[in-house]
């Protein structure tokens, strides 16, 4: 499984070893982490990923991704699926950024890339949620085409659905930026 590349980001699929280091707060050799990374959400996602690896095996391509800026390779957050698609083709998604990277459209860019990727790999519905007071995340999801579908006392639920599966295959690294892939970029 290769990196997903957008105009400004590289979404790097996290391996088991990388998830162990994330959970321990220890950057791999040569890694560049923004101040505050990994966030508690990144640690929780890494731990969930490790449990999935132990219980059911590698969920990739529907695993976790580290969000890195293309310009400098700095890890600024994480995004990913909570596991492979269910029997109806549905996945749940989550994302988060360090505070210094928020407000620049990175979350929207990462979410759009993961939605495109899911659709291209036969997913029929992507779900997500955000706390009631997290209006920024709610805006990210609606801007990416997800719509509100309900709420409970804690969160609002969002989803995007497509009719009929569409599956494509492609190179190891998928460029979702609309530009030429970077050969030697971060």
C-alpha atoms as a PDB file:
ATOM      1  CA  UNK A   1       0.000   0.000   0.000  1.00  0.00           C
ATOM      2  CA  UNK A   2       1.540   3.273  -1.081  1.00  0.00           C
ATOM      3  CA  UNK A   3       1.100   6.868  -0.036  1.00  0.00           C
ATOM      4  CA  UNK A   4      -1.923   8.897  -1.148  1.00  0.00           C
ATOM      5  CA  UNK A   5      -0.753  12.226  -2.539  1.00  0.00           C
ATOM      6  CA  UNK A   6      -2.854  15.407  -2.739  1.00  0.00           C
ATOM      7  CA  UNK A   7      -1.950  18.943  -3.781  1.00  0.00           C
ATOM      8  CA  UNK A   8      -0.392  19.770  -0.388  1.00  0.00           C
ATOM      9  CA  UNK A   9      -0.363  16.524   1.562  1.00  0.00           C
ATOM     10  CA  UNK A  10       0.956  12.993   1.680  1.00  0.00           C
ATOM     11  CA  UNK A  11      -1.274  10.497   3.465  1.00  0.00           C
ATOM     12  CA  UNK A  12       1.104   7.765   4.552  1.00  0.00           C
ATOM     13  CA  UNK A  13      -0.439   4.378   5.485  1.00  0.00           C
ATOM     14  CA  UNK A  14       0.782   3.453   8.954  1.00  0.00           C
ATOM     15  CA  UNK A  15       2.392   0.063   9.515  1.00  0.00           C
ATOM     16  CA  UNK A  16       2.185  -1.955  12.715  1.00  0.00           C
ATOM     17  CA  UNK A  17       5.650  -0.794  13.773  1.00  0.00           C
ATOM     18  CA  UNK A  18       4.782   2.836  13.115  1.00  0.00           C
ATOM     19  CA  UNK A  19       1.560   2.440  15.098  1.00  0.00           C
ATOM     20  CA  UNK A  20       3.547   1.024  18.036  1.00  0.00           C
ATOM     21  CA  UNK A  21       5.861   4.052  17.952  1.00  0.00           C
ATOM     22  CA  UNK A  22       2.913   6.450  17.682  1.00  0.00           C
ATOM     23  CA  UNK A  23       1.217   4.827  20.659  1.00  0.00           C
ATOM     24  CA  UNK A  24       4.485   5.165  22.620  1.00  0.00           C
ATOM     25  CA  UNK A  25       5.107   8.735  21.409  1.00  0.00           C
ATOM     26  CA  UNK A  26       8.444   7.726  19.858  1.00  0.00           C
ATOM     27  CA  UNK A  27       9.096   9.014  16.327  1.00  0.00           C
ATOM     28  CA  UNK A  28      10.668   6.557  13.884  1.00  0.00           C
ATOM     29  CA  UNK A  29      14.197   7.360  12.708  1.00  0.00           C
ATOM     30  CA  UNK A  30      14.114  10.288  10.316  1.00  0.00           C
ATOM     31  CA  UNK A  31      10.487  11.159  11.068  1.00  0.00           C
ATOM     32  CA  UNK A  32       9.583  14.801  11.455  1.00  0.00           C
ATOM     33  CA  UNK A  33       6.699  15.504  13.796  1.00  0.00           C
ATOM     34  CA  UNK A  34       5.003  18.877  14.298  1.00  0.00           C
ATOM     35  CA  UNK A  35       4.861  20.097  17.902  1.00  0.00           C
ATOM     36  CA  UNK A  36       1.945  18.362  19.609  1.00  0.00           C
ATOM     37  CA  UNK A  37       2.003  15.309  17.332  1.00  0.00           C
ATOM     38  CA  UNK A  38       0.834  12.698  18.023  1.00  0.00           C
ATOM     39  CA  UNK A  39      -2.321  14.051  19.620  1.00  0.00           C
ATOM     40  CA  UNK A  40      -4.320  11.929  22.075  1.00  0.00           C
ATOM     41  CA  UNK A  41      -6.610  11.110  19.132  1.00  0.00           C
ATOM     42  CA  UNK A  42      -3.646   9.868  17.084  1.00  0.00           C
ATOM     43  CA  UNK A  43      -2.524   7.678  19.986  1.00  0.00           C
ATOM     44  CA  UNK A  44      -6.030   6.246  20.401  1.00  0.00           C
ATOM     45  CA  UNK A  45      -6.248   5.545  16.647  1.00  0.00           C
ATOM     46  CA  UNK A  46      -2.846   3.816  16.709  1.00  0.00           C
ATOM     47  CA  UNK A  47      -3.939   1.672  19.646  1.00  0.00           C
ATOM     48  CA  UNK A  48      -7.204   0.755  17.875  1.00  0.00           C
ATOM     49  CA  UNK A  49      -5.190  -0.120  14.743  1.00  0.00           C
ATOM     50  CA  UNK A  50      -2.867  -2.362  16.794  1.00  0.00           C
ATOM     51  CA  UNK A  51      -5.882  -4.156  18.318  1.00  0.00           C
ATOM     52  CA  UNK A  52      -7.292  -4.689  14.833  1.00  0.00           C
ATOM     53  CA  UNK A  53      -3.965  -6.102  13.646  1.00  0.00           C
ATOM     54  CA  UNK A  54      -3.930  -8.528  16.577  1.00  0.00           C
ATOM     55  CA  UNK A  55      -7.604  -9.524  16.317  1.00  0.00           C
ATOM     56  CA  UNK A  56      -8.357  -9.683  12.583  1.00  0.00           C
ATOM     57  CA  UNK A  57      -5.189  -8.791  10.656  1.00  0.00           C
ATOM     58  CA  UNK A  58      -4.157  -5.827   8.566  1.00  0.00           C
ATOM     59  CA  UNK A  59      -7.180  -3.754   7.482  1.00  0.00           C
ATOM     60  CA  UNK A  60      -5.290  -1.885   4.743  1.00  0.00           C
ATOM     61  CA  UNK A  61      -6.136  -0.180   2.588  1.00  0.00           C
ATOM     62  CA  UNK A  62      -8.745   0.761   5.206  1.00  0.00           C
ATOM     63  CA  UNK A  63      -6.335   1.517   8.029  1.00  0.00           C
ATOM     64  CA  UNK A  64      -4.724   4.634   9.489  1.00  0.00           C
ATOM     65  CA  UNK A  65      -2.786   7.300   7.627  1.00  0.00           C
ATOM     66  CA  UNK A  66      -0.333   9.868   8.910  1.00  0.00           C
ATOM     67  CA  UNK A  67      -0.984  13.297   7.387  1.00  0.00           C
ATOM     68  CA  UNK A  68       2.259  14.935   6.228  1.00  0.00           C
ATOM     69  CA  UNK A  69       2.769  18.247   4.487  1.00  0.00           C
ATOM     70  CA  UNK A  70       4.365  17.786   1.065  1.00  0.00           C
ATOM     71  CA  UNK A  71       6.413  20.961   1.373  1.00  0.00           C
ATOM     72  CA  UNK A  72       8.486  19.787   4.355  1.00  0.00           C
ATOM     73  CA  UNK A  73       7.405  16.226   5.212  1.00  0.00           C
ATOM     74  CA  UNK A  74       6.241  17.322   8.676  1.00  0.00           C
ATOM     75  CA  UNK A  75       3.618  15.010  10.247  1.00  0.00           C
ATOM     76  CA  UNK A  76       0.699  17.237  11.267  1.00  0.00           C
ATOM     77  CA  UNK A  77      -2.048  14.745  12.103  1.00  0.00           C
ATOM     78  CA  UNK A  78      -3.791  11.546  11.264  1.00  0.00           C
ATOM     79  CA  UNK A  79      -6.778  10.287   9.338  1.00  0.00           C
ATOM     80  CA  UNK A  80      -8.171   6.943   8.480  1.00  0.00           C
ATOM     81  CA  UNK A  81     -10.799   4.310   8.522  1.00  0.00           C
ATOM     82  CA  UNK A  82     -11.937   2.510  11.638  1.00  0.00           C
ATOM     83  CA  UNK A  83     -11.602  -0.780   9.779  1.00  0.00           C
ATOM     84  CA  UNK A  84     -12.482  -2.464   6.504  1.00  0.00           C
ATOM     85  CA  UNK A  85     -15.860  -2.064   4.854  1.00  0.00           C
ATOM     86  CA  UNK A  86     -18.718  -4.028   6.382  1.00  0.00           C
ATOM     87  CA  UNK A  87     -20.904  -6.462   4.421  1.00  0.00           C
ATOM     88  CA  UNK A  88     -22.888  -3.490   3.015  1.00  0.00           C
ATOM     89  CA  UNK A  89     -19.796  -1.619   1.822  1.00  0.00           C
ATOM     90  CA  UNK A  90     -19.790   0.956   4.661  1.00  0.00           C
ATOM     91  CA  UNK A  91     -16.765   2.362   6.490  1.00  0.00           C
ATOM     92  CA  UNK A  92     -16.345   4.861   9.310  1.00  0.00           C
ATOM     93  CA  UNK A  93     -13.702   7.557   9.075  1.00  0.00           C
ATOM     94  CA  UNK A  94     -11.947   9.929  11.450  1.00  0.00           C
ATOM     95  CA  UNK A  95      -9.278  12.622  11.256  1.00  0.00           C
ATOM     96  CA  UNK A  96      -7.471  15.179  13.354  1.00  0.00           C
ATOM     97  CA  UNK A  97      -4.705  17.749  13.157  1.00  0.00           C
ATOM     98  CA  UNK A  98      -2.314  19.346  15.610  1.00  0.00           C
ATOM     99  CA  UNK A  99      -3.569  22.815  16.626  1.00  0.00           C
ATOM    100  CA  UNK A 100      -0.873  24.657  14.640  1.00  0.00           C
ATOM    101  CA  UNK A 101      -2.068  23.023  11.384  1.00  0.00           C
ATOM    102  CA  UNK A 102      -5.771  23.778  11.803  1.00  0.00           C
ATOM    103  CA  UNK A 103      -7.624  26.404   9.793  1.00  0.00           C
ATOM    104  CA  UNK A 104      -5.593  25.869   6.602  1.00  0.00           C
ATOM    105  CA  UNK A 105      -7.865  23.392   4.818  1.00  0.00           C
ATOM    106  CA  UNK A 106      -5.632  20.374   5.474  1.00  0.00           C
ATOM    107  CA  UNK A 107      -8.403  18.350   7.151  1.00  0.00           C
ATOM    108  CA  UNK A 108     -10.758  18.967   4.213  1.00  0.00           C
ATOM    109  CA  UNK A 109      -8.044  17.999   1.740  1.00  0.00           C
ATOM    110  CA  UNK A 110      -7.225  14.792   3.625  1.00  0.00           C
ATOM    111  CA  UNK A 111     -10.898  13.862   4.036  1.00  0.00           C
ATOM    112  CA  UNK A 112     -11.647  14.422   0.354  1.00  0.00           C
ATOM    113  CA  UNK A 113      -8.701  12.197  -0.583  1.00  0.00           C
ATOM    114  CA  UNK A 114      -9.889   9.398   1.710  1.00  0.00           C
ATOM    115  CA  UNK A 115     -13.452   9.701   0.385  1.00  0.00           C
ATOM    116  CA  UNK A 116     -12.197   9.431  -3.212  1.00  0.00           C
ATOM    117  CA  UNK A 117     -10.009   6.501  -2.249  1.00  0.00           C
ATOM    118  CA  UNK A 118     -12.874   4.704  -0.504  1.00  0.00           C
ATOM    119  CA  UNK A 119     -15.191   5.222  -3.463  1.00  0.00           C
ATOM    120  CA  UNK A 120     -12.538   3.979  -5.883  1.00  0.00           C
ATOM    121  CA  UNK A 121     -12.170   0.824  -3.779  1.00  0.00           C
ATOM    122  CA  UNK A 122     -15.838  -0.155  -3.817  1.00  0.00           C
ATOM    123  CA  UNK A 123     -17.083   1.515  -0.637  1.00  0.00           C
ATOM    124  CA  UNK A 124     -20.740   2.529  -0.883  1.00  0.00           C
ATOM    125  CA  UNK A 125     -21.024   4.686   2.265  1.00  0.00           C
ATOM    126  CA  UNK A 126     -18.604   6.592   4.503  1.00  0.00           C
ATOM    127  CA  UNK A 127     -19.689   7.673   7.966  1.00  0.00           C
ATOM    128  CA  UNK A 128     -18.189  10.082  10.465  1.00  0.00           C
ATOM    129  CA  UNK A 129     -19.153  12.047  13.551  1.00  0.00           C
ATOM    130  CA  UNK A 130     -18.225  15.192  15.430  1.00  0.00           C
ATOM    131  CA  UNK A 131     -18.989  16.477  18.905  1.00  0.00           C
ATOM    132  CA  UNK A 132     -21.814  19.031  19.013  1.00  0.00           C
ATOM    133  CA  UNK A 133     -19.389  21.847  19.823  1.00  0.00           C
ATOM    134  CA  UNK A 134     -16.868  20.858  17.130  1.00  0.00           C
ATOM    135  CA  UNK A 135     -18.352  23.008  14.390  1.00  0.00           C
ATOM    136  CA  UNK A 136     -15.032  23.112  12.510  1.00  0.00           C
ATOM    137  CA  UNK A 137     -15.120  19.335  11.988  1.00  0.00           C
ATOM    138  CA  UNK A 138     -18.790  19.497  11.044  1.00  0.00           C
ATOM    139  CA  UNK A 139     -17.901  22.079   8.366  1.00  0.00           C
ATOM    140  CA  UNK A 140     -15.058  19.881   7.103  1.00  0.00           C
ATOM    141  CA  UNK A 141     -17.436  16.970   6.573  1.00  0.00           C
ATOM    142  CA  UNK A 142     -20.176  19.012   4.897  1.00  0.00           C
ATOM    143  CA  UNK A 143     -17.626  20.753   2.647  1.00  0.00           C
ATOM    144  CA  UNK A 144     -16.395  17.307   1.547  1.00  0.00           C
ATOM    145  CA  UNK A 145     -19.940  16.300   0.565  1.00  0.00           C
ATOM    146  CA  UNK A 146     -21.002  14.420   3.689  1.00  0.00           C
ATOM    147  CA  UNK A 147     -24.446  15.258   5.027  1.00  0.00           C
ATOM    148  CA  UNK A 148     -25.841  15.252   8.561  1.00  0.00           C
ATOM    149  CA  UNK A 149     -27.894  12.101   9.218  1.00  0.00           C
ATOM    150  CA  UNK A 150     -28.633  12.282  12.931  1.00  0.00           C
ATOM    151  CA  UNK A 151     -27.332  13.055  16.377  1.00  0.00           C
ATOM    152  CA  UNK A 152     -27.353  11.860  19.940  1.00  0.00           C
ATOM    153  CA  UNK A 153     -26.589  13.606  23.233  1.00  0.00           C
ATOM    154  CA  UNK A 154     -22.849  13.704  22.423  1.00  0.00           C
ATOM    155  CA  UNK A 155     -22.264  13.839  18.644  1.00  0.00           C
ATOM    156  CA  UNK A 156     -23.698  14.679  15.236  1.00  0.00           C
ATOM    157  CA  UNK A 157     -23.455  11.929  12.590  1.00  0.00           C
ATOM    158  CA  UNK A 158     -22.551  12.495   8.939  1.00  0.00           C
ATOM    159  CA  UNK A 159     -22.338  10.284   5.874  1.00  0.00           C
ATOM    160  CA  UNK A 160     -21.894  10.199   2.139  1.00  0.00           C
ATOM    161  CA  UNK A 161     -23.306   7.350   0.079  1.00  0.00           C
ATOM    162  CA  UNK A 162     -22.940   6.258  -3.513  1.00  0.00           C
ATOM    163  CA  UNK A 163     -25.075   3.862  -5.501  1.00  0.00           C
ATOM    164  CA  UNK A 164     -23.394   0.805  -6.931  1.00  0.00           C
ATOM    165  CA  UNK A 165     -19.786  -0.135  -6.269  1.00  0.00           C
ATOM    166  CA  UNK A 166     -16.979   1.213  -8.417  1.00  0.00           C
ATOM    167  CA  UNK A 167     -13.631  -0.486  -8.069  1.00  0.00           C
ATOM    168  CA  UNK A 168     -10.423   0.648  -9.734  1.00  0.00           C
ATOM    169  CA  UNK A 169      -6.878  -0.506  -9.451  1.00  0.00           C
ATOM    170  CA  UNK A 170      -3.860   1.713  -9.730  1.00  0.00           C
ATOM    171  CA  UNK A 171      -0.242   2.273  -8.854  1.00  0.00           C
ATOM    172  CA  UNK A 172       1.155   1.797  -5.345  1.00  0.00           C
ATOM    173  CA  UNK A 173       1.158   5.542  -4.753  1.00  0.00           C
ATOM    174  CA  UNK A 174      -2.013   7.267  -5.810  1.00  0.00           C
ATOM    175  CA  UNK A 175      -1.905  10.919  -6.736  1.00  0.00           C
ATOM    176  CA  UNK A 176      -5.207  12.546  -5.833  1.00  0.00           C
ATOM    177  CA  UNK A 177      -4.010  16.098  -6.448  1.00  0.00           C
ATOM    178  CA  UNK A 178      -4.793  16.349 -10.130  1.00  0.00           C
ATOM    179  CA  UNK A 179      -1.097  17.084 -10.715  1.00  0.00           C
ATOM    180  CA  UNK A 180       1.789  14.862 -11.656  1.00  0.00           C
ATOM    181  CA  UNK A 181       3.014  12.592  -8.856  1.00  0.00           C
ATOM    182  CA  UNK A 182       6.089  13.724  -7.006  1.00  0.00           C
ATOM    183  CA  UNK A 183       8.931  11.275  -7.645  1.00  0.00           C
ATOM    184  CA  UNK A 184      11.216  12.239  -4.800  1.00  0.00           C
ATOM    185  CA  UNK A 185       9.013  14.366  -2.547  1.00  0.00           C
ATOM    186  CA  UNK A 186       8.254  13.801   1.129  1.00  0.00           C
END
